[in-house]
């Protein structure tokens, strides 16, 4: 008898939660964005209980992603859809020139999910790590490009790289506001630079779907590869 009562209570609670979620989704019940899984992620907001879910939904929904990108602080312009040789396709891509608080070594193309991931990474992990370890902000991010029409690891018998759709970028260094430059040469150092790079790598693993660093293989000794592809990898 008791188990039947518990089952009924749980069933009623489930339907009540579903009904409440529907009312929130259609706007009949107002809750703060921090607790609303149906609103796009705010890359500036402190992490909350729904951050992971909101990030996933935002980067898998074109409308939510566009809304998050518009509020991200990135300076960008749309790029026309194109198809290249070898199956490389650029679709819903933007060209990013800078963000509200830092510059990039050169403009680069990015899908909306990658762009939102970069903004989220900057505000939630990169800048906090620099402030805590150096008392400075990062003023410039160095990279070696996002788009390249090629296969994974440049091998002929592998699948197209996430770079082939501008869904990945390779980060090579960071310059602080006081001019100090930190590259991945310091990855293995027992120093503040080494600690910073490991903190940045850890944060990238939360901001992007895939993060590959110097411990992955020799090809990534000098950069962090980050992408918003289908696989969740942190190496």
C-alpha atoms as a PDB file:
ATOM      1  CA  UNK A   1       0.000   0.000   0.000  1.00  0.00           C
ATOM      2  CA  UNK A   2       2.768   2.397   0.956  1.00  0.00           C
ATOM      3  CA  UNK A   3       4.658   1.731  -2.273  1.00  0.00           C
ATOM      4  CA  UNK A   4       1.506   2.470  -4.278  1.00  0.00           C
ATOM      5  CA  UNK A   5       1.050   5.799  -2.491  1.00  0.00           C
ATOM      6  CA  UNK A   6       4.692   6.700  -3.132  1.00  0.00           C
ATOM      7  CA  UNK A   7       4.295   5.797  -6.811  1.00  0.00           C
ATOM      8  CA  UNK A   8       1.200   7.972  -7.136  1.00  0.00           C
ATOM      9  CA  UNK A   9       2.917  10.900  -5.393  1.00  0.00           C
ATOM     10  CA  UNK A  10       5.962  10.609  -7.641  1.00  0.00           C
ATOM     11  CA  UNK A  11       3.754  10.428 -10.730  1.00  0.00           C
ATOM     12  CA  UNK A  12       1.822  13.527  -9.666  1.00  0.00           C
ATOM     13  CA  UNK A  13       5.076  15.335  -8.945  1.00  0.00           C
ATOM     14  CA  UNK A  14       6.365  14.418 -12.400  1.00  0.00           C
ATOM     15  CA  UNK A  15       3.274  15.785 -14.151  1.00  0.00           C
ATOM     16  CA  UNK A  16       3.350  18.904 -11.973  1.00  0.00           C
ATOM     17  CA  UNK A  17       6.979  19.493 -12.949  1.00  0.00           C
ATOM     18  CA  UNK A  18       6.142  18.980 -16.621  1.00  0.00           C
ATOM     19  CA  UNK A  19       3.246  21.430 -16.383  1.00  0.00           C
ATOM     20  CA  UNK A  20       5.390  24.002 -14.582  1.00  0.00           C
ATOM     21  CA  UNK A  21       8.148  23.615 -17.174  1.00  0.00           C
ATOM     22  CA  UNK A  22       5.658  24.143 -19.989  1.00  0.00           C
ATOM     23  CA  UNK A  23       4.289  27.312 -18.359  1.00  0.00           C
ATOM     24  CA  UNK A  24       7.842  28.631 -17.956  1.00  0.00           C
ATOM     25  CA  UNK A  25       8.670  27.793 -21.574  1.00  0.00           C
ATOM     26  CA  UNK A  26       5.648  29.635 -22.990  1.00  0.00           C
ATOM     27  CA  UNK A  27       6.155  32.598 -20.680  1.00  0.00           C
ATOM     28  CA  UNK A  28       3.073  32.125 -18.508  1.00  0.00           C
ATOM     29  CA  UNK A  29       5.258  31.802 -15.400  1.00  0.00           C
ATOM     30  CA  UNK A  30       8.221  34.152 -14.958  1.00  0.00           C
ATOM     31  CA  UNK A  31      11.417  32.934 -13.315  1.00  0.00           C
ATOM     32  CA  UNK A  32      14.890  34.565 -13.266  1.00  0.00           C
ATOM     33  CA  UNK A  33      16.960  33.702 -16.347  1.00  0.00           C
ATOM     34  CA  UNK A  34      19.471  32.005 -14.050  1.00  0.00           C
ATOM     35  CA  UNK A  35      16.822  29.369 -13.284  1.00  0.00           C
ATOM     36  CA  UNK A  36      15.146  29.290 -16.687  1.00  0.00           C
ATOM     37  CA  UNK A  37      16.499  26.466 -18.880  1.00  0.00           C
ATOM     38  CA  UNK A  38      14.674  27.840 -21.924  1.00  0.00           C
ATOM     39  CA  UNK A  39      16.593  31.117 -22.172  1.00  0.00           C
ATOM     40  CA  UNK A  40      19.980  31.396 -23.922  1.00  0.00           C
ATOM     41  CA  UNK A  41      23.085  31.295 -21.786  1.00  0.00           C
ATOM     42  CA  UNK A  42      24.476  34.618 -20.590  1.00  0.00           C
ATOM     43  CA  UNK A  43      28.259  34.265 -20.923  1.00  0.00           C
ATOM     44  CA  UNK A  44      28.789  37.106 -18.416  1.00  0.00           C
ATOM     45  CA  UNK A  45      26.614  35.652 -15.642  1.00  0.00           C
ATOM     46  CA  UNK A  46      28.117  33.688 -12.746  1.00  0.00           C
ATOM     47  CA  UNK A  47      27.695  29.912 -13.130  1.00  0.00           C
ATOM     48  CA  UNK A  48      24.464  28.517 -11.717  1.00  0.00           C
ATOM     49  CA  UNK A  49      22.729  25.169 -11.319  1.00  0.00           C
ATOM     50  CA  UNK A  50      21.516  25.210 -14.927  1.00  0.00           C
ATOM     51  CA  UNK A  51      24.680  26.529 -16.615  1.00  0.00           C
ATOM     52  CA  UNK A  52      25.667  23.216 -18.210  1.00  0.00           C
ATOM     53  CA  UNK A  53      22.145  22.582 -19.493  1.00  0.00           C
ATOM     54  CA  UNK A  54      21.768  26.140 -20.798  1.00  0.00           C
ATOM     55  CA  UNK A  55      25.122  25.932 -22.580  1.00  0.00           C
ATOM     56  CA  UNK A  56      24.139  22.645 -24.215  1.00  0.00           C
ATOM     57  CA  UNK A  57      20.729  23.953 -25.321  1.00  0.00           C
ATOM     58  CA  UNK A  58      22.189  27.231 -26.582  1.00  0.00           C
ATOM     59  CA  UNK A  59      24.822  25.547 -28.731  1.00  0.00           C
ATOM     60  CA  UNK A  60      22.289  23.096 -30.169  1.00  0.00           C
ATOM     61  CA  UNK A  61      19.549  25.606 -31.009  1.00  0.00           C
ATOM     62  CA  UNK A  62      20.149  28.173 -33.768  1.00  0.00           C
ATOM     63  CA  UNK A  63      17.767  30.756 -32.308  1.00  0.00           C
ATOM     64  CA  UNK A  64      19.157  30.523 -28.776  1.00  0.00           C
ATOM     65  CA  UNK A  65      22.713  30.565 -30.102  1.00  0.00           C
ATOM     66  CA  UNK A  66      22.128  33.698 -32.166  1.00  0.00           C
ATOM     67  CA  UNK A  67      20.612  35.439 -29.132  1.00  0.00           C
ATOM     68  CA  UNK A  68      23.544  34.453 -26.902  1.00  0.00           C
ATOM     69  CA  UNK A  69      26.069  35.566 -29.515  1.00  0.00           C
ATOM     70  CA  UNK A  70      24.382  38.960 -29.870  1.00  0.00           C
ATOM     71  CA  UNK A  71      24.811  39.568 -26.118  1.00  0.00           C
ATOM     72  CA  UNK A  72      28.295  37.997 -25.879  1.00  0.00           C
ATOM     73  CA  UNK A  73      30.348  41.158 -26.337  1.00  0.00           C
ATOM     74  CA  UNK A  74      32.130  39.704 -29.364  1.00  0.00           C
ATOM     75  CA  UNK A  75      32.584  41.976 -32.370  1.00  0.00           C
ATOM     76  CA  UNK A  76      31.643  40.013 -35.471  1.00  0.00           C
ATOM     77  CA  UNK A  77      29.941  40.034 -38.848  1.00  0.00           C
ATOM     78  CA  UNK A  78      28.140  37.252 -40.735  1.00  0.00           C
ATOM     79  CA  UNK A  79      29.933  35.319 -43.482  1.00  0.00           C
ATOM     80  CA  UNK A  80      28.080  34.040 -46.547  1.00  0.00           C
ATOM     81  CA  UNK A  81      27.479  30.289 -46.677  1.00  0.00           C
ATOM     82  CA  UNK A  82      29.913  28.527 -48.997  1.00  0.00           C
ATOM     83  CA  UNK A  83      30.863  25.015 -50.079  1.00  0.00           C
ATOM     84  CA  UNK A  84      34.455  24.143 -50.884  1.00  0.00           C
ATOM     85  CA  UNK A  85      36.326  21.200 -52.364  1.00  0.00           C
ATOM     86  CA  UNK A  86      36.527  17.999 -50.369  1.00  0.00           C
ATOM     87  CA  UNK A  87      33.167  18.474 -48.683  1.00  0.00           C
ATOM     88  CA  UNK A  88      34.139  21.527 -46.622  1.00  0.00           C
ATOM     89  CA  UNK A  89      31.083  23.671 -45.867  1.00  0.00           C
ATOM     90  CA  UNK A  90      30.781  27.029 -44.119  1.00  0.00           C
ATOM     91  CA  UNK A  91      27.240  27.514 -42.818  1.00  0.00           C
ATOM     92  CA  UNK A  92      25.976  30.142 -40.375  1.00  0.00           C
ATOM     93  CA  UNK A  93      29.527  31.314 -39.745  1.00  0.00           C
ATOM     94  CA  UNK A  94      30.680  34.692 -38.438  1.00  0.00           C
ATOM     95  CA  UNK A  95      34.028  36.501 -38.656  1.00  0.00           C
ATOM     96  CA  UNK A  96      35.192  37.594 -35.201  1.00  0.00           C
ATOM     97  CA  UNK A  97      37.563  40.529 -34.827  1.00  0.00           C
ATOM     98  CA  UNK A  98      37.676  41.117 -31.064  1.00  0.00           C
ATOM     99  CA  UNK A  99      35.677  40.984 -27.848  1.00  0.00           C
ATOM    100  CA  UNK A 100      34.678  43.727 -25.461  1.00  0.00           C
ATOM    101  CA  UNK A 101      37.675  43.124 -23.213  1.00  0.00           C
ATOM    102  CA  UNK A 102      40.397  41.575 -25.370  1.00  0.00           C
ATOM    103  CA  UNK A 103      41.738  41.327 -28.890  1.00  0.00           C
ATOM    104  CA  UNK A 104      42.745  38.363 -31.004  1.00  0.00           C
ATOM    105  CA  UNK A 105      45.993  38.047 -32.911  1.00  0.00           C
ATOM    106  CA  UNK A 106      43.957  38.090 -36.127  1.00  0.00           C
ATOM    107  CA  UNK A 107      40.285  37.895 -37.154  1.00  0.00           C
ATOM    108  CA  UNK A 108      38.918  34.383 -37.558  1.00  0.00           C
ATOM    109  CA  UNK A 109      35.775  32.593 -38.670  1.00  0.00           C
ATOM    110  CA  UNK A 110      33.650  30.596 -36.248  1.00  0.00           C
ATOM    111  CA  UNK A 111      30.346  28.807 -36.094  1.00  0.00           C
ATOM    112  CA  UNK A 112      27.854  30.269 -33.645  1.00  0.00           C
ATOM    113  CA  UNK A 113      28.456  27.486 -31.079  1.00  0.00           C
ATOM    114  CA  UNK A 114      32.228  27.998 -31.246  1.00  0.00           C
ATOM    115  CA  UNK A 115      31.834  31.778 -30.920  1.00  0.00           C
ATOM    116  CA  UNK A 116      29.605  31.416 -27.846  1.00  0.00           C
ATOM    117  CA  UNK A 117      32.065  28.890 -26.418  1.00  0.00           C
ATOM    118  CA  UNK A 118      34.923  31.363 -26.861  1.00  0.00           C
ATOM    119  CA  UNK A 119      33.003  34.148 -25.118  1.00  0.00           C
ATOM    120  CA  UNK A 120      31.969  31.809 -22.288  1.00  0.00           C
ATOM    121  CA  UNK A 121      35.564  30.583 -21.934  1.00  0.00           C
ATOM    122  CA  UNK A 122      36.886  34.132 -21.778  1.00  0.00           C
ATOM    123  CA  UNK A 123      34.522  35.402 -19.093  1.00  0.00           C
ATOM    124  CA  UNK A 124      34.168  32.298 -16.931  1.00  0.00           C
ATOM    125  CA  UNK A 125      37.672  30.813 -17.023  1.00  0.00           C
ATOM    126  CA  UNK A 126      40.367  32.769 -18.879  1.00  0.00           C
ATOM    127  CA  UNK A 127      39.978  36.177 -17.260  1.00  0.00           C
ATOM    128  CA  UNK A 128      39.343  34.800 -13.752  1.00  0.00           C
ATOM    129  CA  UNK A 129      42.505  32.657 -13.978  1.00  0.00           C
ATOM    130  CA  UNK A 130      44.593  35.667 -15.055  1.00  0.00           C
ATOM    131  CA  UNK A 131      43.136  37.868 -12.327  1.00  0.00           C
ATOM    132  CA  UNK A 132      43.763  35.284  -9.613  1.00  0.00           C
ATOM    133  CA  UNK A 133      47.295  34.284 -10.631  1.00  0.00           C
ATOM    134  CA  UNK A 134      48.674  37.568 -12.002  1.00  0.00           C
ATOM    135  CA  UNK A 135      46.339  40.301 -10.825  1.00  0.00           C
ATOM    136  CA  UNK A 136      45.975  41.245 -14.487  1.00  0.00           C
ATOM    137  CA  UNK A 137      43.473  40.672 -17.253  1.00  0.00           C
ATOM    138  CA  UNK A 138      44.200  39.030 -20.582  1.00  0.00           C
ATOM    139  CA  UNK A 139      44.297  41.678 -23.300  1.00  0.00           C
ATOM    140  CA  UNK A 140      45.109  39.462 -26.291  1.00  0.00           C
ATOM    141  CA  UNK A 141      44.588  35.847 -27.324  1.00  0.00           C
ATOM    142  CA  UNK A 142      46.988  34.416 -29.893  1.00  0.00           C
ATOM    143  CA  UNK A 143      45.851  31.694 -32.278  1.00  0.00           C
ATOM    144  CA  UNK A 144      46.879  30.005 -35.509  1.00  0.00           C
ATOM    145  CA  UNK A 145      43.484  29.954 -37.151  1.00  0.00           C
ATOM    146  CA  UNK A 146      40.108  28.296 -37.136  1.00  0.00           C
ATOM    147  CA  UNK A 147      39.154  27.409 -40.698  1.00  0.00           C
ATOM    148  CA  UNK A 148      41.185  24.926 -42.735  1.00  0.00           C
ATOM    149  CA  UNK A 149      39.671  22.573 -45.294  1.00  0.00           C
ATOM    150  CA  UNK A 150      41.434  19.402 -44.228  1.00  0.00           C
ATOM    151  CA  UNK A 151      41.032  16.055 -42.518  1.00  0.00           C
ATOM    152  CA  UNK A 152      41.854  15.276 -38.887  1.00  0.00           C
ATOM    153  CA  UNK A 153      45.621  15.497 -38.263  1.00  0.00           C
ATOM    154  CA  UNK A 154      46.099  16.187 -41.991  1.00  0.00           C
ATOM    155  CA  UNK A 155      45.686  12.452 -42.733  1.00  0.00           C
ATOM    156  CA  UNK A 156      44.066  11.315 -45.990  1.00  0.00           C
ATOM    157  CA  UNK A 157      42.204   8.383 -44.424  1.00  0.00           C
ATOM    158  CA  UNK A 158      40.556  10.319 -41.560  1.00  0.00           C
ATOM    159  CA  UNK A 159      37.293  12.250 -41.322  1.00  0.00           C
ATOM    160  CA  UNK A 160      37.019  15.974 -41.963  1.00  0.00           C
ATOM    161  CA  UNK A 161      38.410  18.042 -39.120  1.00  0.00           C
ATOM    162  CA  UNK A 162      36.171  20.431 -37.179  1.00  0.00           C
ATOM    163  CA  UNK A 163      38.454  23.072 -38.689  1.00  0.00           C
ATOM    164  CA  UNK A 164      36.903  22.239 -42.065  1.00  0.00           C
ATOM    165  CA  UNK A 165      33.695  23.970 -40.958  1.00  0.00           C
ATOM    166  CA  UNK A 166      35.274  26.685 -38.755  1.00  0.00           C
ATOM    167  CA  UNK A 167      34.009  24.820 -35.699  1.00  0.00           C
ATOM    168  CA  UNK A 168      37.471  24.687 -34.075  1.00  0.00           C
ATOM    169  CA  UNK A 169      40.330  27.023 -33.243  1.00  0.00           C
ATOM    170  CA  UNK A 170      43.927  26.501 -32.100  1.00  0.00           C
ATOM    171  CA  UNK A 171      45.027  28.781 -29.243  1.00  0.00           C
ATOM    172  CA  UNK A 172      48.779  29.340 -28.906  1.00  0.00           C
ATOM    173  CA  UNK A 173      49.269  32.059 -26.297  1.00  0.00           C
ATOM    174  CA  UNK A 174      47.901  34.786 -24.073  1.00  0.00           C
ATOM    175  CA  UNK A 175      49.129  38.340 -23.487  1.00  0.00           C
ATOM    176  CA  UNK A 176      48.333  40.134 -20.237  1.00  0.00           C
ATOM    177  CA  UNK A 177      47.466  43.813 -19.923  1.00  0.00           C
ATOM    178  CA  UNK A 178      50.985  44.559 -18.646  1.00  0.00           C
ATOM    179  CA  UNK A 179      52.499  43.039 -21.811  1.00  0.00           C
ATOM    180  CA  UNK A 180      53.530  39.675 -20.333  1.00  0.00           C
ATOM    181  CA  UNK A 181      53.203  36.910 -22.953  1.00  0.00           C
ATOM    182  CA  UNK A 182      52.402  33.333 -21.927  1.00  0.00           C
ATOM    183  CA  UNK A 183      52.827  30.535 -24.468  1.00  0.00           C
ATOM    184  CA  UNK A 184      52.471  26.788 -24.185  1.00  0.00           C
ATOM    185  CA  UNK A 185      56.241  26.488 -23.910  1.00  0.00           C
ATOM    186  CA  UNK A 186      55.589  26.864 -20.180  1.00  0.00           C
ATOM    187  CA  UNK A 187      53.141  23.950 -19.975  1.00  0.00           C
ATOM    188  CA  UNK A 188      55.495  21.658 -18.031  1.00  0.00           C
ATOM    189  CA  UNK A 189      57.001  24.401 -15.867  1.00  0.00           C
ATOM    190  CA  UNK A 190      56.453  24.336 -12.107  1.00  0.00           C
ATOM    191  CA  UNK A 191      55.784  28.046 -12.232  1.00  0.00           C
ATOM    192  CA  UNK A 192      52.945  30.531 -12.239  1.00  0.00           C
ATOM    193  CA  UNK A 193      52.847  30.344 -16.032  1.00  0.00           C
ATOM    194  CA  UNK A 194      52.509  26.567 -15.888  1.00  0.00           C
ATOM    195  CA  UNK A 195      49.728  26.819 -13.303  1.00  0.00           C
ATOM    196  CA  UNK A 196      47.927  29.396 -15.429  1.00  0.00           C
ATOM    197  CA  UNK A 197      48.096  27.239 -18.564  1.00  0.00           C
ATOM    198  CA  UNK A 198      46.723  24.235 -16.705  1.00  0.00           C
ATOM    199  CA  UNK A 199      43.897  26.348 -15.290  1.00  0.00           C
ATOM    200  CA  UNK A 200      43.108  27.632 -18.771  1.00  0.00           C
ATOM    201  CA  UNK A 201      43.122  24.085 -20.164  1.00  0.00           C
ATOM    202  CA  UNK A 202      40.782  22.924 -17.405  1.00  0.00           C
ATOM    203  CA  UNK A 203      38.406  25.789 -18.102  1.00  0.00           C
ATOM    204  CA  UNK A 204      38.461  25.084 -21.830  1.00  0.00           C
ATOM    205  CA  UNK A 205      37.297  21.546 -21.101  1.00  0.00           C
ATOM    206  CA  UNK A 206      34.111  23.024 -19.595  1.00  0.00           C
ATOM    207  CA  UNK A 207      33.591  25.695 -22.265  1.00  0.00           C
ATOM    208  CA  UNK A 208      34.134  23.524 -25.366  1.00  0.00           C
ATOM    209  CA  UNK A 209      33.138  20.032 -26.407  1.00  0.00           C
ATOM    210  CA  UNK A 210      36.708  18.987 -27.210  1.00  0.00           C
ATOM    211  CA  UNK A 211      39.941  20.341 -25.746  1.00  0.00           C
ATOM    212  CA  UNK A 212      43.305  18.864 -26.734  1.00  0.00           C
ATOM    213  CA  UNK A 213      46.555  20.120 -25.239  1.00  0.00           C
ATOM    214  CA  UNK A 214      50.253  19.270 -25.012  1.00  0.00           C
ATOM    215  CA  UNK A 215      49.625  16.042 -23.082  1.00  0.00           C
ATOM    216  CA  UNK A 216      47.480  14.688 -25.928  1.00  0.00           C
ATOM    217  CA  UNK A 217      50.200  14.180 -28.540  1.00  0.00           C
ATOM    218  CA  UNK A 218      53.173  15.873 -30.191  1.00  0.00           C
ATOM    219  CA  UNK A 219      50.946  17.623 -32.741  1.00  0.00           C
ATOM    220  CA  UNK A 220      49.367  19.653 -29.932  1.00  0.00           C
ATOM    221  CA  UNK A 221      52.571  20.505 -28.072  1.00  0.00           C
ATOM    222  CA  UNK A 222      52.328  24.196 -28.951  1.00  0.00           C
ATOM    223  CA  UNK A 223      48.600  24.879 -28.801  1.00  0.00           C
ATOM    224  CA  UNK A 224      45.210  24.111 -27.308  1.00  0.00           C
ATOM    225  CA  UNK A 225      42.840  22.729 -29.925  1.00  0.00           C
ATOM    226  CA  UNK A 226      39.250  23.508 -28.929  1.00  0.00           C
ATOM    227  CA  UNK A 227      36.095  22.720 -30.870  1.00  0.00           C
ATOM    228  CA  UNK A 228      32.342  22.314 -30.563  1.00  0.00           C
ATOM    229  CA  UNK A 229      32.120  18.995 -32.409  1.00  0.00           C
ATOM    230  CA  UNK A 230      30.046  15.953 -31.441  1.00  0.00           C
ATOM    231  CA  UNK A 231      32.566  14.358 -29.089  1.00  0.00           C
ATOM    232  CA  UNK A 232      33.267  15.314 -25.488  1.00  0.00           C
ATOM    233  CA  UNK A 233      37.034  15.001 -25.003  1.00  0.00           C
ATOM    234  CA  UNK A 234      39.358  16.642 -22.469  1.00  0.00           C
ATOM    235  CA  UNK A 235      42.984  15.645 -22.974  1.00  0.00           C
END
